[in-house]
Amino acid sequence: MIDTRTIRSKAALAAAATVLAATATGLAAPAHAHAAVAATPHRVLFDNTKAETAGNADWIISTSQPDPLAQNANPTTEKSWTGALSAWGVALQKTGAYSLKTLPAGSTITYGTGGALDLANFDTFVLPEPNVRLSTAEKTAVLKFVQNGGGLFLISDHTASDRNNDGWDSPKIINDLLTSNGVDNTDPFGFSVDLLNITTDNPRAIGDSTNPVLHGSFGTVSGSILRNGTTFTLKPADNAAVKGLVYRTGYSGNTGAFFVTSTFGSGRVAIWGDSSTIDDGTGQSGNTLYNGWDDPAGTDAALALNATAWLSKAS
């Protein structure tokens, strides 16, 4: 299979070389060279195949799927698109640097099949509180995607948060992905999800002024909120790249991490311990939603957006 990320990188480098050559010779750079660089947005795919709208969850950027632009091609606020993750999607869309899609319910997560919504066509895959266990083939697809350079954004919720009553909640589903994926079943990312239900806390960020997730183009992260969520145990002996960025009050080191990043192969991974953080308080009628995205006790918007940029290798 041809790696589309490699093709895009080579195209961008070629266009940049054209601009530099033109500058060096005193010639005006051709218009198409600028267009080639600008025409490579960071491609983000949000999952909606794992019951992400079960119960009171509404973890979608738009009800228009796969393309949110079909609902509103020029969104200005979270209400321009319908979904509790619309603020996340709209913020990325407004930069002009991202192309967003949703993998609709009833679809299958794939890698390398040639389909339009195959992971090979994206830079980052967001899995927001999955409530259905990934199939064996889907788990392998996700791990291969990351191993070959993709970014994976996982959002967990607390234990016993099975919204569709199928026996699987997000902590159990994510731990299953990490231990039974057909690529590396020995803790490939260097963390596991704690089976906890922490009622409330305001986790704080570590002091690291050079970290692009904590200090990125979307702002500085001071902390987050935890409203019935969980944490992660870090295992640097399994993957030395694992790093806790935000911690539950009173915790540090390998326990009590609330937001974690890691790498695997040539790809990147981030995981967050509560879906309340990504909820913008808007969405489809009938859901009880809470605006954690703008909660003044945390800086959740900056954290989500900086992490998306880092995963997409935009920072």
C-alpha atoms as a PDB file:
ATOM      1  CA  MET A   1       0.000   0.000   0.000  1.00  0.00           C
ATOM      2  CA  ILE A   2       1.188   3.522  -0.744  1.00  0.00           C
ATOM      3  CA  ASP A   3       1.400   5.766   2.360  1.00  0.00           C
ATOM      4  CA  THR A   4      -0.661   8.863   1.551  1.00  0.00           C
ATOM      5  CA  ARG A   5       1.112  10.792   4.298  1.00  0.00           C
ATOM      6  CA  THR A   6       4.402  10.316   2.429  1.00  0.00           C
ATOM      7  CA  ILE A   7       2.831  11.552  -0.805  1.00  0.00           C
ATOM      8  CA  ARG A   8       1.489  14.677   0.896  1.00  0.00           C
ATOM      9  CA  SER A   9       4.839  15.378   2.564  1.00  0.00           C
ATOM     10  CA  LYS A  10       6.740  15.017  -0.705  1.00  0.00           C
ATOM     11  CA  ALA A  11       4.278  17.276  -2.503  1.00  0.00           C
ATOM     12  CA  ALA A  12       4.610  19.954   0.123  1.00  0.00           C
ATOM     13  CA  LEU A  13       8.416  19.718   0.074  1.00  0.00           C
ATOM     14  CA  ALA A  14       8.478  19.951  -3.701  1.00  0.00           C
ATOM     15  CA  ALA A  15       6.298  23.046  -3.636  1.00  0.00           C
ATOM     16  CA  ALA A  16       8.465  24.624  -0.946  1.00  0.00           C
ATOM     17  CA  ALA A  17      11.578  23.898  -3.005  1.00  0.00           C
ATOM     18  CA  THR A  18       9.988  25.645  -5.975  1.00  0.00           C
ATOM     19  CA  VAL A  19       9.344  28.750  -3.888  1.00  0.00           C
ATOM     20  CA  LEU A  20      12.891  28.784  -2.515  1.00  0.00           C
ATOM     21  CA  ALA A  21      14.424  28.316  -5.946  1.00  0.00           C
ATOM     22  CA  ALA A  22      12.380  31.164  -7.347  1.00  0.00           C
ATOM     23  CA  THR A  23      13.397  33.416  -4.484  1.00  0.00           C
ATOM     24  CA  ALA A  24      17.076  32.583  -4.923  1.00  0.00           C
ATOM     25  CA  THR A  25      16.995  33.472  -8.629  1.00  0.00           C
ATOM     26  CA  GLY A  26      14.996  36.641  -8.101  1.00  0.00           C
ATOM     27  CA  LEU A  27      11.951  35.276  -9.895  1.00  0.00           C
ATOM     28  CA  ALA A  28       8.389  35.463  -8.655  1.00  0.00           C
ATOM     29  CA  ALA A  29       7.197  32.113  -7.301  1.00  0.00           C
ATOM     30  CA  PRO A  30       4.416  30.612  -9.420  1.00  0.00           C
ATOM     31  CA  ALA A  31       0.974  30.858  -7.848  1.00  0.00           C
ATOM     32  CA  HIS A  32       0.481  27.095  -7.941  1.00  0.00           C
ATOM     33  CA  ALA A  33       3.460  26.603  -5.620  1.00  0.00           C
ATOM     34  CA  HIS A  34       1.749  28.571  -2.842  1.00  0.00           C
ATOM     35  CA  ALA A  35      -1.510  26.734  -3.511  1.00  0.00           C
ATOM     36  CA  ALA A  36       0.212  23.351  -3.222  1.00  0.00           C
ATOM     37  CA  VAL A  37       1.474  24.128   0.268  1.00  0.00           C
ATOM     38  CA  ALA A  38      -1.872  25.563   1.397  1.00  0.00           C
ATOM     39  CA  ALA A  39      -3.803  22.621  -0.086  1.00  0.00           C
ATOM     40  CA  THR A  40      -2.508  20.108   2.467  1.00  0.00           C
ATOM     41  CA  PRO A  41      -4.770  20.587   5.508  1.00  0.00           C
ATOM     42  CA  HIS A  42      -4.414  18.385   8.542  1.00  0.00           C
ATOM     43  CA  ARG A  43      -7.051  15.687   8.174  1.00  0.00           C
ATOM     44  CA  VAL A  44      -8.992  14.654  11.283  1.00  0.00           C
ATOM     45  CA  LEU A  45     -11.539  11.820  11.464  1.00  0.00           C
ATOM     46  CA  PHE A  46     -13.984  11.684  14.405  1.00  0.00           C
ATOM     47  CA  ASP A  47     -15.487   8.290  15.176  1.00  0.00           C
ATOM     48  CA  ASN A  48     -19.228   7.718  15.526  1.00  0.00           C
ATOM     49  CA  THR A  49     -19.293   3.949  15.067  1.00  0.00           C
ATOM     50  CA  LYS A  50     -18.996   2.986  18.727  1.00  0.00           C
ATOM     51  CA  ALA A  51     -22.247   4.322  20.222  1.00  0.00           C
ATOM     52  CA  GLU A  52     -20.806   7.769  20.882  1.00  0.00           C
ATOM     53  CA  THR A  53     -24.336   9.186  21.107  1.00  0.00           C
ATOM     54  CA  ALA A  54     -25.775   6.532  23.430  1.00  0.00           C
ATOM     55  CA  GLY A  55     -27.629   7.722  26.526  1.00  0.00           C
ATOM     56  CA  ASN A  56     -26.870  11.374  27.278  1.00  0.00           C
ATOM     57  CA  ALA A  57     -23.669  11.330  25.238  1.00  0.00           C
ATOM     58  CA  ASP A  58     -23.606  13.352  22.041  1.00  0.00           C
ATOM     59  CA  TRP A  59     -19.942  13.062  21.116  1.00  0.00           C
ATOM     60  CA  ILE A  60     -20.152  14.208  17.504  1.00  0.00           C
ATOM     61  CA  ILE A  61     -19.021  17.409  15.779  1.00  0.00           C
ATOM     62  CA  SER A  62     -22.127  17.535  13.566  1.00  0.00           C
ATOM     63  CA  THR A  63     -25.207  15.543  12.660  1.00  0.00           C
ATOM     64  CA  SER A  64     -24.101  15.942   9.042  1.00  0.00           C
ATOM     65  CA  GLN A  65     -21.874  12.928   8.452  1.00  0.00           C
ATOM     66  CA  PRO A  66     -19.373  12.299   7.091  1.00  0.00           C
ATOM     67  CA  ASP A  67     -18.975  15.968   6.116  1.00  0.00           C
ATOM     68  CA  PRO A  68     -19.939  18.620   8.703  1.00  0.00           C
ATOM     69  CA  LEU A  69     -19.684  21.329   6.039  1.00  0.00           C
ATOM     70  CA  ALA A  70     -22.925  20.012   4.555  1.00  0.00           C
ATOM     71  CA  GLN A  71     -24.693  21.361   7.651  1.00  0.00           C
ATOM     72  CA  ASN A  72     -22.936  24.720   7.546  1.00  0.00           C
ATOM     73  CA  ALA A  73     -20.019  25.450   5.226  1.00  0.00           C
ATOM     74  CA  ASN A  74     -18.938  28.526   7.182  1.00  0.00           C
ATOM     75  CA  PRO A  75     -19.420  27.783  10.882  1.00  0.00           C
ATOM     76  CA  THR A  76     -18.819  30.600  13.331  1.00  0.00           C
ATOM     77  CA  THR A  77     -19.862  29.183  16.726  1.00  0.00           C
ATOM     78  CA  GLU A  78     -20.577  25.779  18.264  1.00  0.00           C
ATOM     79  CA  LYS A  79     -24.234  26.272  17.356  1.00  0.00           C
ATOM     80  CA  SER A  80     -23.366  26.326  13.657  1.00  0.00           C
ATOM     81  CA  TRP A  81     -23.072  22.535  13.840  1.00  0.00           C
ATOM     82  CA  THR A  82     -25.189  20.160  15.948  1.00  0.00           C
ATOM     83  CA  GLY A  83     -23.317  17.994  18.418  1.00  0.00           C
ATOM     84  CA  ALA A  84     -21.688  18.304  21.824  1.00  0.00           C
ATOM     85  CA  LEU A  85     -18.255  18.299  20.148  1.00  0.00           C
ATOM     86  CA  SER A  86     -19.213  21.051  17.705  1.00  0.00           C
ATOM     87  CA  ALA A  87     -17.069  23.655  19.508  1.00  0.00           C
ATOM     88  CA  TRP A  88     -14.032  21.424  18.961  1.00  0.00           C
ATOM     89  CA  GLY A  89     -14.828  20.950  15.287  1.00  0.00           C
ATOM     90  CA  VAL A  90     -15.713  24.572  14.589  1.00  0.00           C
ATOM     91  CA  ALA A  91     -12.542  25.841  16.286  1.00  0.00           C
ATOM     92  CA  LEU A  92     -10.424  23.649  14.021  1.00  0.00           C
ATOM     93  CA  GLN A  93     -12.465  24.489  10.916  1.00  0.00           C
ATOM     94  CA  LYS A  94     -12.132  28.235  11.464  1.00  0.00           C
ATOM     95  CA  THR A  95      -8.330  28.034  11.286  1.00  0.00           C
ATOM     96  CA  GLY A  96      -8.520  26.940   7.645  1.00  0.00           C
ATOM     97  CA  ALA A  97      -5.781  24.414   8.379  1.00  0.00           C
ATOM     98  CA  TYR A  98      -7.927  21.345   9.063  1.00  0.00           C
ATOM     99  CA  SER A  99     -10.205  19.070   7.069  1.00  0.00           C
ATOM    100  CA  LEU A 100     -12.761  17.288   9.257  1.00  0.00           C
ATOM    101  CA  LYS A 101     -14.861  14.191   8.692  1.00  0.00           C
ATOM    102  CA  THR A 102     -16.947  11.794  10.800  1.00  0.00           C
ATOM    103  CA  LEU A 103     -16.974   8.014  10.452  1.00  0.00           C
ATOM    104  CA  PRO A 104     -20.758   7.447  10.617  1.00  0.00           C
ATOM    105  CA  ALA A 105     -22.596   4.872  12.690  1.00  0.00           C
ATOM    106  CA  GLY A 106     -22.753   1.546  10.886  1.00  0.00           C
ATOM    107  CA  SER A 107     -19.292   1.987   9.364  1.00  0.00           C
ATOM    108  CA  THR A 108     -16.158  -0.024  10.130  1.00  0.00           C
ATOM    109  CA  ILE A 109     -12.786   1.351  11.190  1.00  0.00           C
ATOM    110  CA  THR A 110     -10.295   0.322   8.499  1.00  0.00           C
ATOM    111  CA  TYR A 111      -6.701   0.953   7.480  1.00  0.00           C
ATOM    112  CA  GLY A 112      -5.309   0.353   4.019  1.00  0.00           C
ATOM    113  CA  THR A 113      -8.507  -0.653   2.214  1.00  0.00           C
ATOM    114  CA  GLY A 114      -8.673   2.312  -0.156  1.00  0.00           C
ATOM    115  CA  GLY A 115     -12.018   3.594   1.132  1.00  0.00           C
ATOM    116  CA  ALA A 116     -12.683   7.316   1.364  1.00  0.00           C
ATOM    117  CA  LEU A 117     -12.959   7.178   5.170  1.00  0.00           C
ATOM    118  CA  ASP A 118     -10.108   4.711   5.646  1.00  0.00           C
ATOM    119  CA  LEU A 119      -7.646   5.802   8.333  1.00  0.00           C
ATOM    120  CA  ALA A 120      -4.871   5.956   5.727  1.00  0.00           C
ATOM    121  CA  ASN A 121      -6.538   9.119   4.400  1.00  0.00           C
ATOM    122  CA  PHE A 122      -6.264  10.939   7.746  1.00  0.00           C
ATOM    123  CA  ASP A 123      -3.622  12.339  10.064  1.00  0.00           C
ATOM    124  CA  THR A 124      -5.563  11.996  13.318  1.00  0.00           C
ATOM    125  CA  PHE A 125      -8.331   9.673  14.505  1.00  0.00           C
ATOM    126  CA  VAL A 126     -10.482  10.767  17.473  1.00  0.00           C
ATOM    127  CA  LEU A 127     -12.214   8.021  19.469  1.00  0.00           C
ATOM    128  CA  PRO A 128     -14.428   9.900  21.967  1.00  0.00           C
ATOM    129  CA  GLU A 129     -15.647   7.597  24.755  1.00  0.00           C
ATOM    130  CA  PRO A 130     -16.343   4.457  22.710  1.00  0.00           C
ATOM    131  CA  ASN A 131     -19.175   2.318  24.066  1.00  0.00           C
ATOM    132  CA  VAL A 132     -18.839  -0.640  21.707  1.00  0.00           C
ATOM    133  CA  ARG A 133     -15.820  -2.933  21.718  1.00  0.00           C
ATOM    134  CA  LEU A 134     -13.672  -2.679  18.596  1.00  0.00           C
ATOM    135  CA  SER A 135     -13.511  -5.816  16.485  1.00  0.00           C
ATOM    136  CA  THR A 136     -10.223  -7.679  16.110  1.00  0.00           C
ATOM    137  CA  ALA A 137      -9.722  -6.200  12.626  1.00  0.00           C
ATOM    138  CA  GLU A 138     -10.555  -2.680  13.862  1.00  0.00           C
ATOM    139  CA  LYS A 139      -8.058  -2.884  16.715  1.00  0.00           C
ATOM    140  CA  THR A 140      -5.351  -3.978  14.303  1.00  0.00           C
ATOM    141  CA  ALA A 141      -6.292  -1.139  11.928  1.00  0.00           C
ATOM    142  CA  VAL A 142      -5.970   1.468  14.689  1.00  0.00           C
ATOM    143  CA  LEU A 143      -2.589   0.186  15.876  1.00  0.00           C
ATOM    144  CA  LYS A 144      -1.213  -0.042  12.324  1.00  0.00           C
ATOM    145  CA  PHE A 145      -2.419   3.500  11.666  1.00  0.00           C
ATOM    146  CA  VAL A 146      -0.501   4.836  14.657  1.00  0.00           C
ATOM    147  CA  GLN A 147       2.544   2.663  14.017  1.00  0.00           C
ATOM    148  CA  ASN A 148       2.790   4.086  10.498  1.00  0.00           C
ATOM    149  CA  GLY A 149       2.585   7.733  11.569  1.00  0.00           C
ATOM    150  CA  GLY A 150      -1.022   8.491  12.492  1.00  0.00           C
ATOM    151  CA  GLY A 151      -2.275  10.363  15.562  1.00  0.00           C
ATOM    152  CA  LEU A 152      -4.763   8.719  17.926  1.00  0.00           C
ATOM    153  CA  PHE A 153      -6.856  10.757  20.395  1.00  0.00           C
ATOM    154  CA  LEU A 154      -8.613   8.581  22.983  1.00  0.00           C
ATOM    155  CA  ILE A 155     -11.160   9.908  25.462  1.00  0.00           C
ATOM    156  CA  SER A 156     -12.178   7.649  28.325  1.00  0.00           C
ATOM    157  CA  ASP A 157     -14.878   8.052  30.931  1.00  0.00           C
ATOM    158  CA  HIS A 158     -15.233   6.515  34.382  1.00  0.00           C
ATOM    159  CA  THR A 159     -15.703   2.834  35.112  1.00  0.00           C
ATOM    160  CA  ALA A 160     -19.315   1.569  34.986  1.00  0.00           C
ATOM    161  CA  SER A 161     -20.181   4.119  32.287  1.00  0.00           C
ATOM    162  CA  ASP A 162     -21.726   1.591  29.912  1.00  0.00           C
ATOM    163  CA  ARG A 163     -24.219   3.875  28.168  1.00  0.00           C
ATOM    164  CA  ASN A 164     -25.712   1.251  25.827  1.00  0.00           C
ATOM    165  CA  ASN A 165     -25.755  -1.631  28.330  1.00  0.00           C
ATOM    166  CA  ASP A 166     -23.745  -4.030  26.184  1.00  0.00           C
ATOM    167  CA  GLY A 167     -21.308  -4.941  28.962  1.00  0.00           C
ATOM    168  CA  TRP A 168     -18.503  -2.707  27.674  1.00  0.00           C
ATOM    169  CA  ASP A 169     -17.624   0.798  28.849  1.00  0.00           C
ATOM    170  CA  SER A 170     -14.823   3.033  27.585  1.00  0.00           C
ATOM    171  CA  PRO A 171     -12.155   2.064  30.174  1.00  0.00           C
ATOM    172  CA  LYS A 172     -12.680  -1.615  29.417  1.00  0.00           C
ATOM    173  CA  ILE A 173     -12.759  -0.993  25.636  1.00  0.00           C
ATOM    174  CA  ILE A 174      -9.547   1.061  25.645  1.00  0.00           C
ATOM    175  CA  ASN A 175      -7.704  -1.426  27.859  1.00  0.00           C
ATOM    176  CA  ASP A 176      -8.829  -4.167  25.474  1.00  0.00           C
ATOM    177  CA  LEU A 177      -7.405  -2.180  22.547  1.00  0.00           C
ATOM    178  CA  LEU A 178      -4.072  -1.952  24.357  1.00  0.00           C
ATOM    179  CA  THR A 179      -3.812  -5.635  25.251  1.00  0.00           C
ATOM    180  CA  SER A 180      -5.472  -7.484  22.361  1.00  0.00           C
ATOM    181  CA  ASN A 181      -4.817  -5.763  19.040  1.00  0.00           C
ATOM    182  CA  GLY A 182      -2.783  -8.186  16.944  1.00  0.00           C
ATOM    183  CA  VAL A 183       0.086  -5.721  16.504  1.00  0.00           C
ATOM    184  CA  ASP A 184       1.565  -5.285  19.996  1.00  0.00           C
ATOM    185  CA  ASN A 185      -0.360  -6.793  22.884  1.00  0.00           C
ATOM    186  CA  THR A 186       2.198  -5.796  25.518  1.00  0.00           C
ATOM    187  CA  ASP A 187       1.142  -2.273  26.448  1.00  0.00           C
ATOM    188  CA  PRO A 188       2.281  -0.511  23.250  1.00  0.00           C
ATOM    189  CA  PHE A 189       1.609   3.042  24.481  1.00  0.00           C
ATOM    190  CA  GLY A 190       2.900   2.652  28.048  1.00  0.00           C
ATOM    191  CA  PHE A 191      -0.316   3.300  29.974  1.00  0.00           C
ATOM    192  CA  SER A 192      -3.503   1.633  31.155  1.00  0.00           C
ATOM    193  CA  VAL A 193      -6.894   3.046  32.131  1.00  0.00           C
ATOM    194  CA  ASP A 194      -7.660   2.964  35.852  1.00  0.00           C
ATOM    195  CA  LEU A 195     -11.035   1.454  36.719  1.00  0.00           C
ATOM    196  CA  LEU A 196     -12.168   4.390  38.834  1.00  0.00           C
ATOM    197  CA  ASN A 197     -15.082   6.807  39.131  1.00  0.00           C
ATOM    198  CA  ILE A 198     -13.652  10.037  40.500  1.00  0.00           C
ATOM    199  CA  THR A 199     -16.558  12.332  41.277  1.00  0.00           C
ATOM    200  CA  THR A 200     -14.910  15.730  41.052  1.00  0.00           C
ATOM    201  CA  ASP A 201     -11.477  17.327  40.863  1.00  0.00           C
ATOM    202  CA  ASN A 202      -9.644  20.046  38.974  1.00  0.00           C
ATOM    203  CA  PRO A 203      -6.439  18.355  37.771  1.00  0.00           C
ATOM    204  CA  ARG A 204      -3.446  20.627  37.155  1.00  0.00           C
ATOM    205  CA  ALA A 205      -0.877  20.692  34.372  1.00  0.00           C
ATOM    206  CA  ILE A 206       2.781  19.993  34.980  1.00  0.00           C
ATOM    207  CA  GLY A 207       5.357  22.741  34.554  1.00  0.00           C
ATOM    208  CA  ASP A 208       6.883  22.240  31.109  1.00  0.00           C
ATOM    209  CA  SER A 209       7.191  25.440  29.101  1.00  0.00           C
ATOM    210  CA  THR A 210       8.433  23.646  25.978  1.00  0.00           C
ATOM    211  CA  ASN A 211       5.651  21.093  25.705  1.00  0.00           C
ATOM    212  CA  PRO A 212       3.566  21.794  22.546  1.00  0.00           C
ATOM    213  CA  VAL A 213       0.383  20.335  24.031  1.00  0.00           C
ATOM    214  CA  LEU A 214       0.533  22.513  27.141  1.00  0.00           C
ATOM    215  CA  HIS A 215       1.873  25.576  25.319  1.00  0.00           C
ATOM    216  CA  GLY A 216       0.572  25.493  21.769  1.00  0.00           C
ATOM    217  CA  SER A 217      -0.947  27.737  19.154  1.00  0.00           C
ATOM    218  CA  PHE A 218      -4.401  27.461  20.756  1.00  0.00           C
ATOM    219  CA  GLY A 219      -3.271  28.722  24.151  1.00  0.00           C
ATOM    220  CA  THR A 220      -1.632  27.773  27.431  1.00  0.00           C
ATOM    221  CA  VAL A 221      -3.006  24.875  29.460  1.00  0.00           C
ATOM    222  CA  SER A 222      -3.168  25.329  33.222  1.00  0.00           C
ATOM    223  CA  GLY A 223      -5.366  22.357  34.012  1.00  0.00           C
ATOM    224  CA  SER A 224      -8.608  20.531  33.303  1.00  0.00           C
ATOM    225  CA  ILE A 225     -11.827  19.449  35.003  1.00  0.00           C
ATOM    226  CA  LEU A 226     -12.838  16.014  36.245  1.00  0.00           C
ATOM    227  CA  ARG A 227     -16.559  15.388  36.757  1.00  0.00           C
ATOM    228  CA  ASN A 228     -17.008  11.619  37.090  1.00  0.00           C
ATOM    229  CA  GLY A 229     -13.982  10.386  35.227  1.00  0.00           C
ATOM    230  CA  THR A 230     -10.828   8.356  35.665  1.00  0.00           C
ATOM    231  CA  THR A 231      -7.042   8.480  35.510  1.00  0.00           C
ATOM    232  CA  PHE A 232      -4.219   6.445  33.991  1.00  0.00           C
ATOM    233  CA  THR A 233      -1.290   4.457  35.296  1.00  0.00           C
ATOM    234  CA  LEU A 234       1.918   5.097  33.373  1.00  0.00           C
ATOM    235  CA  LYS A 235       4.355   2.301  32.592  1.00  0.00           C
ATOM    236  CA  PRO A 236       7.545   3.858  31.212  1.00  0.00           C
ATOM    237  CA  ALA A 237       9.284   0.478  31.318  1.00  0.00           C
ATOM    238  CA  ASP A 238       6.888  -0.580  28.529  1.00  0.00           C
ATOM    239  CA  ASN A 239       7.206   2.663  26.532  1.00  0.00           C
ATOM    240  CA  ALA A 240       9.701   5.311  27.617  1.00  0.00           C
ATOM    241  CA  ALA A 241       7.879   7.989  25.578  1.00  0.00           C
ATOM    242  CA  VAL A 242       4.799   7.991  27.812  1.00  0.00           C
ATOM    243  CA  LYS A 243       4.316  11.303  29.642  1.00  0.00           C
ATOM    244  CA  GLY A 244       1.702  12.586  32.053  1.00  0.00           C
ATOM    245  CA  LEU A 245       0.802  16.217  31.317  1.00  0.00           C
ATOM    246  CA  VAL A 246      -2.121  16.824  33.679  1.00  0.00           C
ATOM    247  CA  TYR A 247      -2.522  15.141  37.073  1.00  0.00           C
ATOM    248  CA  ARG A 248      -5.241  14.575  39.635  1.00  0.00           C
ATOM    249  CA  THR A 249      -4.749  16.637  42.774  1.00  0.00           C
ATOM    250  CA  GLY A 250      -2.097  15.080  45.016  1.00  0.00           C
ATOM    251  CA  TYR A 251      -0.658  12.798  42.330  1.00  0.00           C
ATOM    252  CA  SER A 252       2.438  12.801  40.132  1.00  0.00           C
ATOM    253  CA  GLY A 253       4.806  10.401  38.417  1.00  0.00           C
ATOM    254  CA  ASN A 254       3.256   7.144  37.233  1.00  0.00           C
ATOM    255  CA  THR A 255      -0.104   7.365  39.046  1.00  0.00           C
ATOM    256  CA  GLY A 256      -3.061   9.700  38.877  1.00  0.00           C
ATOM    257  CA  ALA A 257      -2.323  11.017  35.380  1.00  0.00           C
ATOM    258  CA  PHE A 258      -5.423  12.595  33.820  1.00  0.00           C
ATOM    259  CA  PHE A 259      -4.038  13.588  30.409  1.00  0.00           C
ATOM    260  CA  VAL A 260      -1.277  11.513  28.859  1.00  0.00           C
ATOM    261  CA  THR A 261       0.711  11.496  25.621  1.00  0.00           C
ATOM    262  CA  SER A 262       2.907   8.842  24.086  1.00  0.00           C
ATOM    263  CA  THR A 263       4.317   7.635  20.780  1.00  0.00           C
ATOM    264  CA  PHE A 264       4.276   4.287  18.998  1.00  0.00           C
ATOM    265  CA  GLY A 265       6.242   3.559  15.841  1.00  0.00           C
ATOM    266  CA  SER A 266       6.206   6.878  13.972  1.00  0.00           C
ATOM    267  CA  GLY A 267       2.791   7.919  15.339  1.00  0.00           C
ATOM    268  CA  ARG A 268       1.492   9.806  18.364  1.00  0.00           C
ATOM    269  CA  VAL A 269      -1.148   9.106  21.025  1.00  0.00           C
ATOM    270  CA  ALA A 270      -3.072  11.202  23.561  1.00  0.00           C
ATOM    271  CA  ILE A 271      -5.647  10.100  26.112  1.00  0.00           C
ATOM    272  CA  TRP A 272      -7.959  12.077  28.435  1.00  0.00           C
ATOM    273  CA  GLY A 273      -9.810  10.738  31.467  1.00  0.00           C
ATOM    274  CA  ASP A 274     -13.250  12.326  31.235  1.00  0.00           C
ATOM    275  CA  SER A 275     -15.668  13.064  28.396  1.00  0.00           C
ATOM    276  CA  SER A 276     -17.076  16.002  30.411  1.00  0.00           C
ATOM    277  CA  THR A 277     -14.049  17.977  29.228  1.00  0.00           C
ATOM    278  CA  ILE A 278     -14.995  17.845  25.542  1.00  0.00           C
ATOM    279  CA  ASP A 279     -18.719  18.509  26.069  1.00  0.00           C
ATOM    280  CA  ASP A 280     -19.583  22.040  24.898  1.00  0.00           C
ATOM    281  CA  GLY A 281     -23.100  21.991  26.348  1.00  0.00           C
ATOM    282  CA  THR A 282     -24.841  22.041  22.958  1.00  0.00           C
ATOM    283  CA  GLY A 283     -26.124  19.143  20.919  1.00  0.00           C
ATOM    284  CA  GLN A 284     -29.145  17.203  19.842  1.00  0.00           C
ATOM    285  CA  SER A 285     -32.355  17.718  21.781  1.00  0.00           C
ATOM    286  CA  GLY A 286     -33.162  15.238  24.518  1.00  0.00           C
ATOM    287  CA  ASN A 287     -29.620  15.053  25.906  1.00  0.00           C
ATOM    288  CA  THR A 288     -28.520  16.440  29.257  1.00  0.00           C
ATOM    289  CA  LEU A 289     -25.238  18.162  28.439  1.00  0.00           C
ATOM    290  CA  TYR A 290     -22.735  20.204  30.424  1.00  0.00           C
ATOM    291  CA  ASN A 291     -20.344  22.837  29.133  1.00  0.00           C
ATOM    292  CA  GLY A 292     -17.019  21.454  30.268  1.00  0.00           C
ATOM    293  CA  TRP A 293     -15.280  22.852  27.188  1.00  0.00           C
ATOM    294  CA  ASP A 294     -15.517  26.400  28.587  1.00  0.00           C
ATOM    295  CA  ASP A 295     -15.551  25.574  32.296  1.00  0.00           C
ATOM    296  CA  PRO A 296     -13.398  28.259  33.986  1.00  0.00           C
ATOM    297  CA  ALA A 297     -11.945  25.659  36.359  1.00  0.00           C
ATOM    298  CA  GLY A 298      -9.910  24.283  33.464  1.00  0.00           C
ATOM    299  CA  THR A 299      -8.512  25.118  30.059  1.00  0.00           C
ATOM    300  CA  ASP A 300     -10.083  22.224  28.218  1.00  0.00           C
ATOM    301  CA  ALA A 301     -10.484  23.915  24.831  1.00  0.00           C
ATOM    302  CA  ALA A 302      -6.785  24.773  24.627  1.00  0.00           C
ATOM    303  CA  LEU A 303      -5.849  21.263  25.745  1.00  0.00           C
ATOM    304  CA  ALA A 304      -8.059  19.525  23.170  1.00  0.00           C
ATOM    305  CA  LEU A 305      -7.006  21.793  20.319  1.00  0.00           C
ATOM    306  CA  ASN A 306      -3.276  21.831  21.097  1.00  0.00           C
ATOM    307  CA  ALA A 307      -3.346  18.052  21.401  1.00  0.00           C
ATOM    308  CA  THR A 308      -5.124  17.726  18.047  1.00  0.00           C
ATOM    309  CA  ALA A 309      -2.461  19.924  16.456  1.00  0.00           C
ATOM    310  CA  TRP A 310       0.328  17.847  18.017  1.00  0.00           C
ATOM    311  CA  LEU A 311      -1.245  14.556  16.974  1.00  0.00           C
ATOM    312  CA  SER A 312      -1.715  15.876  13.430  1.00  0.00           C
ATOM    313  CA  LYS A 313       1.928  17.028  13.415  1.00  0.00           C
ATOM    314  CA  ALA A 314       0.828  20.618  12.948  1.00  0.00           C
ATOM    315  CA  SER A 315       2.985  21.622  15.921  1.00  0.00           C
END
